[in-house]
Amino acid sequence: MRKTLVVAIVGALAAGGMVGGATIAFAQANVVKDRQENRKQAGAAMRAVKAIIDAKGPTSGAVEQAAKLKTLEMAFIKMFPAGSTADSKALPTVWSDWAGFQAASKASDAAYDKLAVAAGSGDQAALAAAFADVGKTCGACHDKFRAKSN
């Protein structure tokens, strides 16, 4: 009886471990999808700012987009648990150079602040320059931490 109970407990723990492992894999798959959705939203915000620049209209609408970019970036940097590379364009350097990845995120965050200030100023040229700087921080991060698309 005691031996049967021990075998049953060990079996239950093993099954729980398998489910737990599946949960971790599922959670990592979700975090990759969350990262992708985050970047889609960031891209939409960037396109919205570009449209404001191209229209040469009031720059105030870009303030909201800059705030959205900042919020998205704060969430994005937290979406990289170890091993979450399946179906992802994230390069291993994200994890091997975590400090560099964090620095790239901080550079983007600072660029979003400058974008908001430029948008609030009403100065089209300042907005265009700040937008270009945001693009440079995005590109720098992609160059080092993201696989190229085919």
N, C-alpha and C. Protein backbone atom coordinates (compact mmCIF):
# COMPACT_ATOMS: atom_id res chain seq x y z
N MET A 1 0.82 -1.19 0.00
CA MET A 1 0.00 0.00 0.00
C MET A 1 0.87 1.25 0.00
N ARG A 2 1.86 1.25 0.88
CA ARG A 2 2.74 2.41 0.98
C ARG A 2 3.50 2.60 -0.33
N LYS A 3 3.99 1.52 -0.93
CA LYS A 3 4.72 1.59 -2.19
C LYS A 3 3.82 2.13 -3.29
N THR A 4 2.57 1.72 -3.34
CA THR A 4 1.61 2.20 -4.33
C THR A 4 1.38 3.70 -4.17
N LEU A 5 1.28 4.15 -2.93
CA LEU A 5 1.07 5.57 -2.65
C LEU A 5 2.27 6.39 -3.13
N VAL A 6 3.48 5.90 -2.85
CA VAL A 6 4.70 6.59 -3.28
C VAL A 6 4.74 6.66 -4.81
N VAL A 7 4.43 5.56 -5.48
CA VAL A 7 4.43 5.54 -6.94
C VAL A 7 3.39 6.52 -7.47
N ALA A 8 2.23 6.57 -6.85
CA ALA A 8 1.17 7.49 -7.27
C ALA A 8 1.60 8.94 -7.10
N ILE A 9 2.26 9.26 -5.99
CA ILE A 9 2.73 10.62 -5.74
C ILE A 9 3.81 11.01 -6.74
N VAL A 10 4.77 10.10 -6.96
CA VAL A 10 5.83 10.37 -7.94
C VAL A 10 5.23 10.57 -9.33
N GLY A 11 4.27 9.72 -9.68
CA GLY A 11 3.61 9.87 -10.98
C GLY A 11 2.89 11.20 -11.10
N ALA A 12 2.21 11.60 -10.05
CA ALA A 12 1.49 12.88 -10.06
C ALA A 12 2.46 14.05 -10.19
N LEU A 13 3.57 13.97 -9.47
CA LEU A 13 4.58 15.04 -9.57
C LEU A 13 5.18 15.11 -10.96
N ALA A 14 5.45 13.94 -11.54
CA ALA A 14 6.00 13.92 -12.90
C ALA A 14 5.00 14.51 -13.89
N ALA A 15 3.74 14.15 -13.75
CA ALA A 15 2.71 14.69 -14.64
C ALA A 15 2.60 16.20 -14.45
N GLY A 16 2.67 16.63 -13.21
CA GLY A 16 2.62 18.06 -12.93
C GLY A 16 3.80 18.78 -13.54
N GLY A 17 4.96 18.15 -13.51
CA GLY A 17 6.15 18.74 -14.13
C GLY A 17 5.98 18.87 -15.63
N MET A 18 5.36 17.87 -16.24
CA MET A 18 5.13 17.94 -17.68
C MET A 18 4.16 19.06 -18.02
N VAL A 19 3.10 19.17 -17.22
CA VAL A 19 2.13 20.23 -17.44
C VAL A 19 2.81 21.58 -17.19
N GLY A 20 3.61 21.65 -16.11
CA GLY A 20 4.31 22.90 -15.82
C GLY A 20 5.25 23.28 -16.95
N GLY A 21 5.95 22.30 -17.51
CA GLY A 21 6.84 22.57 -18.64
C GLY A 21 6.06 23.05 -19.84
N ALA A 22 4.90 22.45 -20.07
CA ALA A 22 4.05 22.88 -21.19
C ALA A 22 3.55 24.29 -20.94
N THR A 23 3.23 24.60 -19.68
CA THR A 23 2.77 25.94 -19.35
C THR A 23 3.86 26.96 -19.61
N ILE A 24 5.10 26.63 -19.24
CA ILE A 24 6.21 27.54 -19.49
C ILE A 24 6.39 27.75 -20.99
N ALA A 25 6.36 26.67 -21.76
CA ALA A 25 6.50 26.80 -23.21
C ALA A 25 5.36 27.62 -23.78
N PHE A 26 4.14 27.39 -23.30
CA PHE A 26 2.99 28.15 -23.77
C PHE A 26 3.14 29.62 -23.40
N ALA A 27 3.58 29.88 -22.16
CA ALA A 27 3.77 31.27 -21.71
C ALA A 27 4.82 31.96 -22.57
N GLN A 28 5.90 31.24 -22.94
CA GLN A 28 6.92 31.85 -23.77
C GLN A 28 6.39 32.12 -25.17
N ALA A 29 5.55 31.22 -25.68
CA ALA A 29 4.94 31.46 -26.99
C ALA A 29 4.06 32.69 -26.92
N ASN A 30 3.34 32.85 -25.82
CA ASN A 30 2.50 34.03 -25.65
C ASN A 30 3.32 35.30 -25.56
N VAL A 31 4.46 35.23 -24.86
CA VAL A 31 5.28 36.43 -24.71
C VAL A 31 5.84 36.85 -26.07
N VAL A 32 6.16 35.90 -26.92
CA VAL A 32 6.62 36.25 -28.27
C VAL A 32 5.50 36.93 -29.04
N LYS A 33 4.30 36.39 -28.95
CA LYS A 33 3.15 37.03 -29.61
C LYS A 33 2.89 38.41 -29.02
N ASP A 34 3.05 38.53 -27.70
CA ASP A 34 2.87 39.83 -27.05
C ASP A 34 3.91 40.83 -27.55
N ARG A 35 5.16 40.37 -27.70
CA ARG A 35 6.21 41.26 -28.24
C ARG A 35 5.85 41.71 -29.64
N GLN A 36 5.41 40.76 -30.46
CA GLN A 36 5.05 41.09 -31.84
C GLN A 36 3.89 42.08 -31.89
N GLU A 37 2.90 41.87 -31.05
CA GLU A 37 1.76 42.81 -31.00
C GLU A 37 2.21 44.18 -30.52
N ASN A 38 3.10 44.20 -29.54
CA ASN A 38 3.63 45.46 -29.03
C ASN A 38 4.32 46.24 -30.15
N ARG A 39 5.13 45.55 -30.93
CA ARG A 39 5.85 46.22 -32.01
C ARG A 39 4.91 46.64 -33.15
N LYS A 40 3.84 45.89 -33.38
CA LYS A 40 2.84 46.30 -34.37
C LYS A 40 2.20 47.62 -33.94
N GLN A 41 1.89 47.72 -32.65
CA GLN A 41 1.31 48.95 -32.13
C GLN A 41 2.30 50.11 -32.21
N ALA A 42 3.57 49.82 -31.93
CA ALA A 42 4.60 50.85 -32.04
C ALA A 42 4.72 51.32 -33.48
N GLY A 43 4.68 50.38 -34.41
CA GLY A 43 4.72 50.74 -35.83
C GLY A 43 3.55 51.61 -36.23
N ALA A 44 2.37 51.30 -35.72
CA ALA A 44 1.18 52.10 -36.01
C ALA A 44 1.33 53.51 -35.46
N ALA A 45 1.90 53.63 -34.26
CA ALA A 45 2.13 54.95 -33.68
C ALA A 45 3.15 55.74 -34.50
N MET A 46 4.19 55.07 -34.96
CA MET A 46 5.19 55.73 -35.81
C MET A 46 4.56 56.20 -37.12
N ARG A 47 3.72 55.37 -37.72
CA ARG A 47 3.04 55.77 -38.96
C ARG A 47 2.12 56.97 -38.72
N ALA A 48 1.48 57.01 -37.55
CA ALA A 48 0.61 58.14 -37.22
C ALA A 48 1.41 59.43 -37.12
N VAL A 49 2.58 59.36 -36.49
CA VAL A 49 3.43 60.55 -36.38
C VAL A 49 3.91 60.96 -37.77
N LYS A 50 4.31 60.00 -38.57
CA LYS A 50 4.77 60.29 -39.95
C LYS A 50 3.67 60.98 -40.74
N ALA A 51 2.43 60.54 -40.57
CA ALA A 51 1.31 61.15 -41.27
C ALA A 51 1.13 62.61 -40.83
N ILE A 52 1.32 62.87 -39.56
CA ILE A 52 1.22 64.25 -39.05
C ILE A 52 2.32 65.10 -39.67
N ILE A 53 3.52 64.56 -39.74
CA ILE A 53 4.64 65.31 -40.34
C ILE A 53 4.36 65.56 -41.82
N ASP A 54 3.93 64.53 -42.53
CA ASP A 54 3.67 64.67 -43.96
C ASP A 54 2.55 65.65 -44.25
N ALA A 55 1.55 65.71 -43.39
CA ALA A 55 0.41 66.62 -43.58
C ALA A 55 0.78 68.07 -43.26
N LYS A 56 1.90 68.26 -42.57
CA LYS A 56 2.37 69.59 -42.16
C LYS A 56 1.29 70.37 -41.41
N GLY A 57 0.48 69.62 -40.68
CA GLY A 57 -0.58 70.23 -39.88
C GLY A 57 -0.14 70.41 -38.45
N PRO A 58 -1.11 70.54 -37.57
CA PRO A 58 -0.80 70.71 -36.15
C PRO A 58 -0.02 69.49 -35.62
N THR A 59 1.00 69.77 -34.86
CA THR A 59 1.87 68.71 -34.35
C THR A 59 1.35 68.09 -33.05
N SER A 60 0.34 68.70 -32.45
CA SER A 60 -0.11 68.27 -31.13
C SER A 60 -0.58 66.81 -31.10
N GLY A 61 -1.09 66.29 -32.20
CA GLY A 61 -1.53 64.90 -32.25
C GLY A 61 -0.39 63.91 -32.02
N ALA A 62 0.82 64.32 -32.28
CA ALA A 62 1.97 63.45 -32.09
C ALA A 62 2.35 63.28 -30.62
N VAL A 63 1.84 64.17 -29.76
CA VAL A 63 2.12 64.04 -28.32
C VAL A 63 1.55 62.73 -27.82
N GLU A 64 0.31 62.44 -28.17
CA GLU A 64 -0.34 61.20 -27.75
C GLU A 64 0.40 59.98 -28.29
N GLN A 65 0.85 60.06 -29.52
CA GLN A 65 1.57 58.93 -30.12
C GLN A 65 2.92 58.71 -29.44
N ALA A 66 3.60 59.80 -29.08
CA ALA A 66 4.87 59.68 -28.36
C ALA A 66 4.65 59.02 -27.00
N ALA A 67 3.57 59.40 -26.32
CA ALA A 67 3.24 58.79 -25.03
C ALA A 67 2.94 57.31 -25.21
N LYS A 68 2.24 56.97 -26.28
CA LYS A 68 1.93 55.57 -26.55
C LYS A 68 3.22 54.78 -26.79
N LEU A 69 4.15 55.36 -27.56
CA LEU A 69 5.43 54.70 -27.82
C LEU A 69 6.19 54.46 -26.51
N LYS A 70 6.18 55.43 -25.64
CA LYS A 70 6.87 55.31 -24.36
C LYS A 70 6.25 54.19 -23.52
N THR A 71 4.94 54.14 -23.46
CA THR A 71 4.24 53.10 -22.71
C THR A 71 4.54 51.72 -23.29
N LEU A 72 4.52 51.62 -24.61
CA LEU A 72 4.82 50.35 -25.26
C LEU A 72 6.25 49.91 -24.97
N GLU A 73 7.19 50.84 -24.98
CA GLU A 73 8.59 50.51 -24.71
C GLU A 73 8.79 50.00 -23.28
N MET A 74 8.10 50.63 -22.34
CA MET A 74 8.22 50.20 -20.94
C MET A 74 7.73 48.76 -20.78
N ALA A 75 6.71 48.38 -21.51
CA ALA A 75 6.21 47.00 -21.46
C ALA A 75 7.13 46.07 -22.25
N PHE A 76 7.62 46.54 -23.39
CA PHE A 76 8.41 45.71 -24.30
C PHE A 76 9.67 45.15 -23.65
N ILE A 77 10.38 45.96 -22.93
CA ILE A 77 11.65 45.54 -22.33
C ILE A 77 11.44 44.40 -21.33
N LYS A 78 10.23 44.26 -20.82
CA LYS A 78 9.94 43.21 -19.84
C LYS A 78 9.46 41.92 -20.50
N MET A 79 9.42 41.87 -21.82
CA MET A 79 8.86 40.73 -22.55
C MET A 79 9.92 39.77 -23.08
N PHE A 80 11.04 39.65 -22.40
CA PHE A 80 12.13 38.81 -22.90
C PHE A 80 12.64 37.83 -21.86
N PRO A 81 11.77 36.92 -21.39
CA PRO A 81 12.29 35.91 -20.46
C PRO A 81 13.28 35.00 -21.20
N ALA A 82 14.21 34.48 -20.46
CA ALA A 82 15.23 33.60 -21.05
C ALA A 82 14.57 32.48 -21.85
N GLY A 83 15.12 32.22 -23.01
CA GLY A 83 14.66 31.12 -23.83
C GLY A 83 13.45 31.41 -24.70
N SER A 84 12.96 32.64 -24.69
CA SER A 84 11.76 32.95 -25.47
C SER A 84 12.13 33.35 -26.91
N THR A 85 12.73 32.39 -27.60
CA THR A 85 13.21 32.67 -28.95
C THR A 85 12.40 31.98 -30.04
N ALA A 86 11.56 31.01 -29.68
CA ALA A 86 10.79 30.28 -30.70
C ALA A 86 9.89 31.23 -31.47
N ASP A 87 9.89 31.10 -32.80
CA ASP A 87 9.06 31.95 -33.67
C ASP A 87 9.30 33.43 -33.42
N SER A 88 10.53 33.78 -33.15
CA SER A 88 10.88 35.15 -32.81
C SER A 88 12.06 35.60 -33.66
N LYS A 89 12.12 36.88 -33.92
CA LYS A 89 13.26 37.45 -34.63
C LYS A 89 14.31 37.99 -33.66
N ALA A 90 14.06 37.81 -32.36
CA ALA A 90 15.03 38.26 -31.37
C ALA A 90 16.30 37.42 -31.50
N LEU A 91 17.42 38.10 -31.60
CA LEU A 91 18.71 37.41 -31.69
C LEU A 91 19.20 37.02 -30.29
N PRO A 92 20.06 36.03 -30.20
CA PRO A 92 20.62 35.63 -28.88
C PRO A 92 21.33 36.78 -28.16
N THR A 93 21.75 37.80 -28.91
CA THR A 93 22.42 38.94 -28.27
C THR A 93 21.50 39.70 -27.31
N VAL A 94 20.18 39.54 -27.46
CA VAL A 94 19.27 40.16 -26.48
C VAL A 94 19.65 39.69 -25.09
N TRP A 95 19.88 38.39 -24.94
CA TRP A 95 20.16 37.81 -23.63
C TRP A 95 21.65 37.84 -23.29
N SER A 96 22.52 37.66 -24.29
CA SER A 96 23.96 37.66 -24.00
C SER A 96 24.48 39.07 -23.73
N ASP A 97 23.80 40.08 -24.26
CA ASP A 97 24.16 41.48 -24.01
C ASP A 97 22.94 42.21 -23.45
N TRP A 98 22.43 41.68 -22.35
CA TRP A 98 21.22 42.25 -21.75
C TRP A 98 21.42 43.72 -21.40
N ALA A 99 22.58 44.09 -20.89
CA ALA A 99 22.84 45.49 -20.55
C ALA A 99 22.76 46.37 -21.80
N GLY A 100 23.29 45.87 -22.91
CA GLY A 100 23.20 46.62 -24.16
C GLY A 100 21.77 46.74 -24.65
N PHE A 101 21.00 45.67 -24.47
CA PHE A 101 19.59 45.69 -24.87
C PHE A 101 18.82 46.71 -24.03
N GLN A 102 19.09 46.72 -22.73
CA GLN A 102 18.45 47.70 -21.86
C GLN A 102 18.86 49.12 -22.23
N ALA A 103 20.12 49.32 -22.58
CA ALA A 103 20.60 50.65 -22.98
C ALA A 103 19.90 51.09 -24.27
N ALA A 104 19.69 50.16 -25.19
CA ALA A 104 18.98 50.49 -26.44
C ALA A 104 17.55 50.89 -26.13
N SER A 105 16.93 50.21 -25.19
CA SER A 105 15.57 50.54 -24.79
C SER A 105 15.52 51.93 -24.15
N LYS A 106 16.50 52.22 -23.31
CA LYS A 106 16.55 53.54 -22.67
C LYS A 106 16.79 54.64 -23.70
N ALA A 107 17.58 54.36 -24.72
CA ALA A 107 17.81 55.35 -25.78
C ALA A 107 16.50 55.63 -26.53
N SER A 108 15.74 54.59 -26.79
CA SER A 108 14.44 54.78 -27.44
C SER A 108 13.51 55.57 -26.54
N ASP A 109 13.50 55.23 -25.27
CA ASP A 109 12.65 55.92 -24.30
C ASP A 109 12.98 57.41 -24.28
N ALA A 110 14.25 57.75 -24.27
CA ALA A 110 14.67 59.17 -24.27
C ALA A 110 14.25 59.83 -25.58
N ALA A 111 14.35 59.11 -26.69
CA ALA A 111 13.94 59.67 -27.98
C ALA A 111 12.43 59.93 -28.00
N TYR A 112 11.65 59.07 -27.36
CA TYR A 112 10.20 59.28 -27.29
C TYR A 112 9.89 60.53 -26.48
N ASP A 113 10.65 60.79 -25.41
CA ASP A 113 10.46 62.01 -24.63
C ASP A 113 10.72 63.24 -25.49
N LYS A 114 11.79 63.20 -26.27
CA LYS A 114 12.12 64.33 -27.15
C LYS A 114 11.05 64.50 -28.23
N LEU A 115 10.51 63.40 -28.70
CA LEU A 115 9.44 63.45 -29.69
C LEU A 115 8.21 64.15 -29.10
N ALA A 116 7.88 63.82 -27.87
CA ALA A 116 6.72 64.45 -27.20
C ALA A 116 6.94 65.94 -27.03
N VAL A 117 8.14 66.33 -26.62
CA VAL A 117 8.44 67.75 -26.44
C VAL A 117 8.35 68.48 -27.77
N ALA A 118 8.92 67.89 -28.81
CA ALA A 118 8.87 68.52 -30.14
C ALA A 118 7.43 68.62 -30.62
N ALA A 119 6.65 67.58 -30.40
CA ALA A 119 5.25 67.60 -30.83
C ALA A 119 4.48 68.70 -30.09
N GLY A 120 4.76 68.85 -28.81
CA GLY A 120 4.09 69.87 -28.01
C GLY A 120 4.51 71.29 -28.36
N SER A 121 5.66 71.44 -28.99
CA SER A 121 6.16 72.77 -29.33
C SER A 121 5.43 73.39 -30.51
N GLY A 122 4.82 72.55 -31.33
CA GLY A 122 4.15 73.06 -32.52
C GLY A 122 5.09 73.29 -33.68
N ASP A 123 6.35 73.03 -33.50
CA ASP A 123 7.38 73.25 -34.52
C ASP A 123 7.52 72.01 -35.40
N GLN A 124 7.11 72.13 -36.66
CA GLN A 124 7.16 71.00 -37.60
C GLN A 124 8.58 70.49 -37.79
N ALA A 125 9.53 71.39 -37.92
CA ALA A 125 10.92 70.98 -38.14
C ALA A 125 11.46 70.22 -36.94
N ALA A 126 11.12 70.68 -35.75
CA ALA A 126 11.57 70.00 -34.53
C ALA A 126 10.93 68.61 -34.44
N LEU A 127 9.66 68.51 -34.83
CA LEU A 127 8.98 67.21 -34.81
C LEU A 127 9.63 66.26 -35.81
N ALA A 128 9.91 66.75 -36.99
CA ALA A 128 10.54 65.90 -38.02
C ALA A 128 11.92 65.42 -37.56
N ALA A 129 12.69 66.31 -36.93
CA ALA A 129 14.03 65.93 -36.45
C ALA A 129 13.93 64.91 -35.32
N ALA A 130 13.00 65.12 -34.41
CA ALA A 130 12.83 64.18 -33.30
C ALA A 130 12.35 62.83 -33.82
N PHE A 131 11.49 62.85 -34.82
CA PHE A 131 11.00 61.61 -35.42
C PHE A 131 12.16 60.85 -36.07
N ALA A 132 13.04 61.57 -36.74
CA ALA A 132 14.21 60.93 -37.35
C ALA A 132 15.10 60.30 -36.27
N ASP A 133 15.24 60.98 -35.14
CA ASP A 133 16.05 60.43 -34.04
C ASP A 133 15.42 59.16 -33.46
N VAL A 134 14.09 59.14 -33.37
CA VAL A 134 13.41 57.93 -32.92
C VAL A 134 13.71 56.79 -33.89
N GLY A 135 13.62 57.09 -35.17
CA GLY A 135 13.93 56.07 -36.18
C GLY A 135 15.34 55.53 -36.05
N LYS A 136 16.29 56.40 -35.70
CA LYS A 136 17.68 55.96 -35.52
C LYS A 136 17.81 55.01 -34.33
N THR A 137 17.09 55.31 -33.23
CA THR A 137 17.18 54.41 -32.07
C THR A 137 16.52 53.07 -32.37
N CYS A 138 15.43 53.11 -33.12
CA CYS A 138 14.78 51.85 -33.51
C CYS A 138 15.73 51.03 -34.38
N GLY A 139 16.33 51.68 -35.37
CA GLY A 139 17.24 51.00 -36.28
C GLY A 139 18.46 50.43 -35.58
N ALA A 140 19.00 51.18 -34.62
CA ALA A 140 20.17 50.70 -33.88
C ALA A 140 19.84 49.44 -33.10
N CYS A 141 18.67 49.40 -32.51
CA CYS A 141 18.26 48.21 -31.76
C CYS A 141 18.03 47.04 -32.72
N HIS A 142 17.36 47.29 -33.82
CA HIS A 142 17.12 46.23 -34.80
C HIS A 142 18.43 45.68 -35.35
N ASP A 143 19.38 46.55 -35.64
CA ASP A 143 20.66 46.10 -36.20
C ASP A 143 21.38 45.11 -35.28
N LYS A 144 21.30 45.35 -33.99
CA LYS A 144 22.06 44.52 -33.05
C LYS A 144 21.27 43.36 -32.46
N PHE A 145 19.96 43.54 -32.31
CA PHE A 145 19.19 42.58 -31.52
C PHE A 145 18.06 41.88 -32.28
N ARG A 146 17.89 42.15 -33.56
CA ARG A 146 16.78 41.56 -34.30
C ARG A 146 17.29 40.94 -35.60
N ALA A 147 16.82 39.74 -35.88
CA ALA A 147 17.19 39.06 -37.13
C ALA A 147 16.58 39.80 -38.31
N LYS A 148 17.30 39.84 -39.39
CA LYS A 148 16.83 40.50 -40.61
C LYS A 148 15.69 39.68 -41.22
N SER A 149 14.73 40.36 -41.80
CA SER A 149 13.64 39.68 -42.50
C SER A 149 14.14 39.21 -43.84
N ASN A 150 13.59 38.10 -44.29
CA ASN A 150 13.99 37.58 -45.62
C ASN A 150 13.33 38.34 -46.72
